[in-house]
Amino acid sequence: MKIACLLGVSDYKNCTPLPGCINDLELMEKLLHATGEYTEVCRIDGNQPSVQVKQELVEFFTRHR
């Protein structure tokens, strides 16, 4: 079983947005799915609070422990 976790944050409160991050995230996700080798890909993007990101990561990795 192969799993992948992709994190792409392009919006920051005190910095210039980085739209390339979302583009890279989308391309990488398409590539991983195209290989057909990954049973699940966790994608986290946007401007989520760190508490929410941590919770998503814990849930994802706990499922695949």
PDB file of N, CA and C in Angstrom:
ATOM      1  N   MET A   1       0.829  -1.169   0.000  1.00  0.00           N
ATOM      2  CA  MET A   1       0.000   0.000   0.000  1.00  0.00           C
ATOM      3  C   MET A   1       0.884   1.247   0.000  1.00  0.00           C
ATOM      4  N   LYS A   2       0.556   2.177  -0.876  1.00  0.00           N
ATOM      5  CA  LYS A   2       1.251   3.458  -0.916  1.00  0.00           C
ATOM      6  C   LYS A   2       0.239   4.559  -0.646  1.00  0.00           C
ATOM      7  N   ILE A   3       0.643   5.497   0.192  1.00  0.00           N
ATOM      8  CA  ILE A   3      -0.185   6.663   0.458  1.00  0.00           C
ATOM      9  C   ILE A   3       0.668   7.907   0.227  1.00  0.00           C
ATOM     10  N   ALA A   4      -0.005   9.025   0.021  1.00  0.00           N
ATOM     11  CA  ALA A   4       0.712  10.281  -0.184  1.00  0.00           C
ATOM     12  C   ALA A   4      -0.034  11.392   0.530  1.00  0.00           C
ATOM     13  N   CYS A   5       0.709  12.348   1.005  1.00  0.00           N
ATOM     14  CA  CYS A   5       0.139  13.519   1.651  1.00  0.00           C
ATOM     15  C   CYS A   5       0.694  14.749   0.945  1.00  0.00           C
ATOM     16  N   LEU A   6      -0.200  15.546   0.383  1.00  0.00           N
ATOM     17  CA  LEU A   6       0.200  16.748  -0.339  1.00  0.00           C
ATOM     18  C   LEU A   6      -0.299  17.977   0.410  1.00  0.00           C
ATOM     19  N   LEU A   7       0.599  18.898   0.682  1.00  0.00           N
ATOM     20  CA  LEU A   7       0.249  20.151   1.346  1.00  0.00           C
ATOM     21  C   LEU A   7       0.591  21.299   0.415  1.00  0.00           C
ATOM     22  N   GLY A   8      -0.380  22.153   0.161  1.00  0.00           N
ATOM     23  CA  GLY A   8      -0.140  23.299  -0.708  1.00  0.00           C
ATOM     24  C   GLY A   8      -0.880  24.514  -0.195  1.00  0.00           C
ATOM     25  N   VAL A   9      -0.143  25.438   0.353  1.00  0.00           N
ATOM     26  CA  VAL A   9      -0.746  26.661   0.876  1.00  0.00           C
ATOM     27  C   VAL A   9      -0.248  27.816   0.018  1.00  0.00           C
ATOM     28  N   SER A  10      -1.193  28.555  -0.545  1.00  0.00           N
ATOM     29  CA  SER A  10      -0.803  29.664  -1.413  1.00  0.00           C
ATOM     30  C   SER A  10      -1.203  31.019  -0.849  1.00  0.00           C
ATOM     31  N   ASP A  11      -2.043  31.038   0.161  1.00  0.00           N
ATOM     32  CA  ASP A  11      -2.507  32.297   0.743  1.00  0.00           C
ATOM     33  C   ASP A  11      -1.963  32.451   2.154  1.00  0.00           C
ATOM     34  N   TYR A  12      -1.348  33.595   2.394  1.00  0.00           N
ATOM     35  CA  TYR A  12      -0.780  33.891   3.705  1.00  0.00           C
ATOM     36  C   TYR A  12      -1.295  35.235   4.174  1.00  0.00           C
ATOM     37  N   LYS A  13      -1.385  35.406   5.478  1.00  0.00           N
ATOM     38  CA  LYS A  13      -1.901  36.663   6.035  1.00  0.00           C
ATOM     39  C   LYS A  13      -0.943  37.824   5.820  1.00  0.00           C
ATOM     40  N   ASN A  14       0.348  37.598   6.014  1.00  0.00           N
ATOM     41  CA  ASN A  14       1.317  38.698   5.984  1.00  0.00           C
ATOM     42  C   ASN A  14       2.299  38.632   4.829  1.00  0.00           C
ATOM     43  N   CYS A  15       1.992  37.813   3.815  1.00  0.00           N
ATOM     44  CA  CYS A  15       2.899  37.659   2.675  1.00  0.00           C
ATOM     45  C   CYS A  15       2.111  37.690   1.374  1.00  0.00           C
ATOM     46  N   THR A  16       2.816  37.897   0.307  1.00  0.00           N
ATOM     47  CA  THR A  16       2.210  37.880  -1.016  1.00  0.00           C
ATOM     48  C   THR A  16       1.739  36.465  -1.342  1.00  0.00           C
ATOM     49  N   PRO A  17       0.539  36.332  -1.929  1.00  0.00           N
ATOM     50  CA  PRO A  17       0.045  34.998  -2.307  1.00  0.00           C
ATOM     51  C   PRO A  17       0.998  34.292  -3.267  1.00  0.00           C
ATOM     52  N   LEU A  18       1.022  32.981  -3.193  1.00  0.00           N
ATOM     53  CA  LEU A  18       1.882  32.166  -4.045  1.00  0.00           C
ATOM     54  C   LEU A  18       1.013  31.212  -4.877  1.00  0.00           C
ATOM     55  N   PRO A  19       0.404  31.708  -5.957  1.00  0.00           N
ATOM     56  CA  PRO A  19      -0.506  30.868  -6.742  1.00  0.00           C
ATOM     57  C   PRO A  19       0.170  29.646  -7.346  1.00  0.00           C
ATOM     58  N   GLY A  20       1.456  29.679  -7.510  1.00  0.00           N
ATOM     59  CA  GLY A  20       2.178  28.531  -8.050  1.00  0.00           C
ATOM     60  C   GLY A  20       2.069  27.305  -7.162  1.00  0.00           C
ATOM     61  N   CYS A  21       1.903  27.510  -5.862  1.00  0.00           N
ATOM     62  CA  CYS A  21       1.785  26.377  -4.932  1.00  0.00           C
ATOM     63  C   CYS A  21       0.560  25.530  -5.244  1.00  0.00           C
ATOM     64  N   ILE A  22      -0.563  26.171  -5.513  1.00  0.00           N
ATOM     65  CA  ILE A  22      -1.788  25.426  -5.827  1.00  0.00           C
ATOM     66  C   ILE A  22      -1.636  24.731  -7.167  1.00  0.00           C
ATOM     67  N   ASN A  23      -1.027  25.400  -8.137  1.00  0.00           N
ATOM     68  CA  ASN A  23      -0.795  24.768  -9.438  1.00  0.00           C
ATOM     69  C   ASN A  23       0.072  23.521  -9.287  1.00  0.00           C
ATOM     70  N   ASP A  24       1.145  23.636  -8.520  1.00  0.00           N
ATOM     71  CA  ASP A  24       2.032  22.492  -8.283  1.00  0.00           C
ATOM     72  C   ASP A  24       1.296  21.369  -7.573  1.00  0.00           C
ATOM     73  N   LEU A  25       0.474  21.730  -6.604  1.00  0.00           N
ATOM     74  CA  LEU A  25      -0.292  20.737  -5.855  1.00  0.00           C
ATOM     75  C   LEU A  25      -1.234  19.968  -6.781  1.00  0.00           C
ATOM     76  N   GLU A  26      -1.940  20.684  -7.635  1.00  0.00           N
ATOM     77  CA  GLU A  26      -2.869  20.041  -8.560  1.00  0.00           C
ATOM     78  C   GLU A  26      -2.146  19.119  -9.536  1.00  0.00           C
ATOM     79  N   LEU A  27      -1.024  19.577 -10.067  1.00  0.00           N
ATOM     80  CA  LEU A  27      -0.253  18.747 -10.999  1.00  0.00           C
ATOM     81  C   LEU A  27       0.293  17.494 -10.315  1.00  0.00           C
ATOM     82  N   MET A  28       0.799  17.643  -9.093  1.00  0.00           N
ATOM     83  CA  MET A  28       1.341  16.500  -8.372  1.00  0.00           C
ATOM     84  C   MET A  28       0.236  15.499  -8.048  1.00  0.00           C
ATOM     85  N   GLU A  29      -0.930  15.996  -7.674  1.00  0.00           N
ATOM     86  CA  GLU A  29      -2.046  15.101  -7.375  1.00  0.00           C
ATOM     87  C   GLU A  29      -2.460  14.320  -8.625  1.00  0.00           C
ATOM     88  N   LYS A  30      -2.533  14.994  -9.760  1.00  0.00           N
ATOM     89  CA  LYS A  30      -2.871  14.312 -11.017  1.00  0.00           C
ATOM     90  C   LYS A  30      -1.824  13.260 -11.359  1.00  0.00           C
ATOM     91  N   LEU A  31      -0.569  13.592 -11.159  1.00  0.00           N
ATOM     92  CA  LEU A  31       0.514  12.656 -11.448  1.00  0.00           C
ATOM     93  C   LEU A  31       0.421  11.411 -10.567  1.00  0.00           C
ATOM     94  N   LEU A  32       0.201  11.614  -9.278  1.00  0.00           N
ATOM     95  CA  LEU A  32       0.099  10.473  -8.365  1.00  0.00           C
ATOM     96  C   LEU A  32      -1.078   9.576  -8.722  1.00  0.00           C
ATOM     97  N   HIS A  33      -2.218  10.174  -9.058  1.00  0.00           N
ATOM     98  CA  HIS A  33      -3.376   9.372  -9.451  1.00  0.00           C
ATOM     99  C   HIS A  33      -3.122   8.646 -10.770  1.00  0.00           C
ATOM    100  N   ALA A  34      -2.419   9.303 -11.690  1.00  0.00           N
ATOM    101  CA  ALA A  34      -2.145   8.702 -13.000  1.00  0.00           C
ATOM    102  C   ALA A  34      -1.264   7.469 -12.900  1.00  0.00           C
ATOM    103  N   THR A  35      -0.404   7.416 -11.881  1.00  0.00           N
ATOM    104  CA  THR A  35       0.459   6.250 -11.738  1.00  0.00           C
ATOM    105  C   THR A  35      -0.341   5.019 -11.335  1.00  0.00           C
ATOM    106  N   GLY A  36      -1.476   5.248 -10.664  1.00  0.00           N
ATOM    107  CA  GLY A  36      -2.289   4.131 -10.197  1.00  0.00           C
ATOM    108  C   GLY A  36      -1.644   3.352  -9.057  1.00  0.00           C
ATOM    109  N   GLU A  37      -0.600   3.892  -8.470  1.00  0.00           N
ATOM    110  CA  GLU A  37       0.133   3.189  -7.423  1.00  0.00           C
ATOM    111  C   GLU A  37      -0.280   3.588  -6.007  1.00  0.00           C
ATOM    112  N   TYR A  38      -1.063   4.647  -5.880  1.00  0.00           N
ATOM    113  CA  TYR A  38      -1.398   5.145  -4.553  1.00  0.00           C
ATOM    114  C   TYR A  38      -2.834   4.792  -4.196  1.00  0.00           C
ATOM    115  N   THR A  39      -3.000   4.183  -3.026  1.00  0.00           N
ATOM    116  CA  THR A  39      -4.334   3.789  -2.591  1.00  0.00           C
ATOM    117  C   THR A  39      -5.116   4.988  -2.076  1.00  0.00           C
ATOM    118  N   GLU A  40      -4.413   5.984  -1.539  1.00  0.00           N
ATOM    119  CA  GLU A  40      -5.085   7.197  -1.078  1.00  0.00           C
ATOM    120  C   GLU A  40      -4.112   8.365  -1.102  1.00  0.00           C
ATOM    121  N   VAL A  41      -4.628   9.518  -1.515  1.00  0.00           N
ATOM    122  CA  VAL A  41      -3.846  10.748  -1.521  1.00  0.00           C
ATOM    123  C   VAL A  41      -4.593  11.760  -0.658  1.00  0.00           C
ATOM    124  N   CYS A  42      -3.933  12.230   0.379  1.00  0.00           N
ATOM    125  CA  CYS A  42      -4.491  13.268   1.243  1.00  0.00           C
ATOM    126  C   CYS A  42      -4.039  14.609   0.682  1.00  0.00           C
ATOM    127  N   ARG A  43      -5.002  15.467   0.393  1.00  0.00           N
ATOM    128  CA  ARG A  43      -4.684  16.787  -0.162  1.00  0.00           C
ATOM    129  C   ARG A  43      -5.167  17.854   0.815  1.00  0.00           C
ATOM    130  N   ILE A  44      -4.258  18.707   1.211  1.00  0.00           N
ATOM    131  CA  ILE A  44      -4.603  19.815   2.095  1.00  0.00           C
ATOM    132  C   ILE A  44      -4.149  21.090   1.411  1.00  0.00           C
ATOM    133  N   ASP A  45      -5.112  21.956   1.155  1.00  0.00           N
ATOM    134  CA  ASP A  45      -4.792  23.229   0.509  1.00  0.00           C
ATOM    135  C   ASP A  45      -5.619  24.338   1.134  1.00  0.00           C
ATOM    136  N   GLY A  46      -5.438  25.514   0.631  1.00  0.00           N
ATOM    137  CA  GLY A  46      -6.206  26.643   1.138  1.00  0.00           C
ATOM    138  C   GLY A  46      -5.558  27.284   2.342  1.00  0.00           C
ATOM    139  N   ASN A  47      -6.349  28.073   3.009  1.00  0.00           N
ATOM    140  CA  ASN A  47      -5.852  28.824   4.155  1.00  0.00           C
ATOM    141  C   ASN A  47      -6.569  28.332   5.406  1.00  0.00           C
ATOM    142  N   GLN A  48      -6.289  27.115   5.797  1.00  0.00           N
ATOM    143  CA  GLN A  48      -6.931  26.495   6.947  1.00  0.00           C
ATOM    144  C   GLN A  48      -6.138  26.798   8.210  1.00  0.00           C
ATOM    145  N   PRO A  49      -6.834  26.882   9.325  1.00  0.00           N
ATOM    146  CA  PRO A  49      -6.111  27.046  10.593  1.00  0.00           C
ATOM    147  C   PRO A  49      -5.210  25.835  10.858  1.00  0.00           C
ATOM    148  N   SER A  50      -4.092  26.067  11.515  1.00  0.00           N
ATOM    149  CA  SER A  50      -3.138  24.980  11.749  1.00  0.00           C
ATOM    150  C   SER A  50      -3.755  23.846  12.563  1.00  0.00           C
ATOM    151  N   VAL A  51      -4.684  24.157  13.449  1.00  0.00           N
ATOM    152  CA  VAL A  51      -5.344  23.117  14.241  1.00  0.00           C
ATOM    153  C   VAL A  51      -6.101  22.155  13.326  1.00  0.00           C
ATOM    154  N   GLN A  52      -6.759  22.686  12.324  1.00  0.00           N
ATOM    155  CA  GLN A  52      -7.512  21.848  11.379  1.00  0.00           C
ATOM    156  C   GLN A  52      -6.569  21.006  10.527  1.00  0.00           C
ATOM    157  N   VAL A  53      -5.474  21.595  10.079  1.00  0.00           N
ATOM    158  CA  VAL A  53      -4.494  20.853   9.284  1.00  0.00           C
ATOM    159  C   VAL A  53      -3.915  19.701  10.100  1.00  0.00           C
ATOM    160  N   LYS A  54      -3.548  19.977  11.340  1.00  0.00           N
ATOM    161  CA  LYS A  54      -3.007  18.929  12.210  1.00  0.00           C
ATOM    162  C   LYS A  54      -4.010  17.797  12.394  1.00  0.00           C
ATOM    163  N   GLN A  55      -5.279  18.147  12.586  1.00  0.00           N
ATOM    164  CA  GLN A  55      -6.305  17.134  12.789  1.00  0.00           C
ATOM    165  C   GLN A  55      -6.467  16.270  11.543  1.00  0.00           C
ATOM    166  N   GLU A  56      -6.476  16.879  10.374  1.00  0.00           N
ATOM    167  CA  GLU A  56      -6.587  16.115   9.127  1.00  0.00           C
ATOM    168  C   GLU A  56      -5.404  15.161   8.957  1.00  0.00           C
ATOM    169  N   LEU A  57      -4.211  15.642   9.284  1.00  0.00           N
ATOM    170  CA  LEU A  57      -3.020  14.793   9.170  1.00  0.00           C
ATOM    171  C   LEU A  57      -3.066  13.628  10.154  1.00  0.00           C
ATOM    172  N   VAL A  58      -3.461  13.898  11.381  1.00  0.00           N
ATOM    173  CA  VAL A  58      -3.564  12.838  12.386  1.00  0.00           C
ATOM    174  C   VAL A  58      -4.573  11.784  11.932  1.00  0.00           C
ATOM    175  N   GLU A  59      -5.732  12.218  11.452  1.00  0.00           N
ATOM    176  CA  GLU A  59      -6.759  11.276  11.002  1.00  0.00           C
ATOM    177  C   GLU A  59      -6.271  10.443   9.823  1.00  0.00           C
ATOM    178  N   PHE A  60      -5.597  11.081   8.861  1.00  0.00           N
ATOM    179  CA  PHE A  60      -5.104  10.389   7.684  1.00  0.00           C
ATOM    180  C   PHE A  60      -4.077   9.319   8.065  1.00  0.00           C
ATOM    181  N   PHE A  61      -3.095   9.709   8.864  1.00  0.00           N
ATOM    182  CA  PHE A  61      -2.034   8.764   9.205  1.00  0.00           C
ATOM    183  C   PHE A  61      -2.502   7.708  10.199  1.00  0.00           C
ATOM    184  N   THR A  62      -3.466   8.034  11.026  1.00  0.00           N
ATOM    185  CA  THR A  62      -4.027   7.044  11.946  1.00  0.00           C
ATOM    186  C   THR A  62      -4.749   5.943  11.161  1.00  0.00           C
ATOM    187  N   ARG A  63      -5.470   6.317  10.113  1.00  0.00           N
ATOM    188  CA  ARG A  63      -6.153   5.325   9.273  1.00  0.00           C
ATOM    189  C   ARG A  63      -5.171   4.370   8.620  1.00  0.00           C
ATOM    190  N   HIS A  64      -3.971   4.814   8.364  1.00  0.00           N
ATOM    191  CA  HIS A  64      -2.993   4.011   7.622  1.00  0.00           C
ATOM    192  C   HIS A  64      -1.843   3.513   8.494  1.00  0.00           C
ATOM    193  N   ARG A  65      -2.081   3.469   9.764  1.00  0.00           N
ATOM    194  CA  ARG A  65      -1.054   3.018  10.706  1.00  0.00           C
ATOM    195  C   ARG A  65      -0.798   1.554  10.545  1.00  0.00           C
TER     196      ARG A  65
END
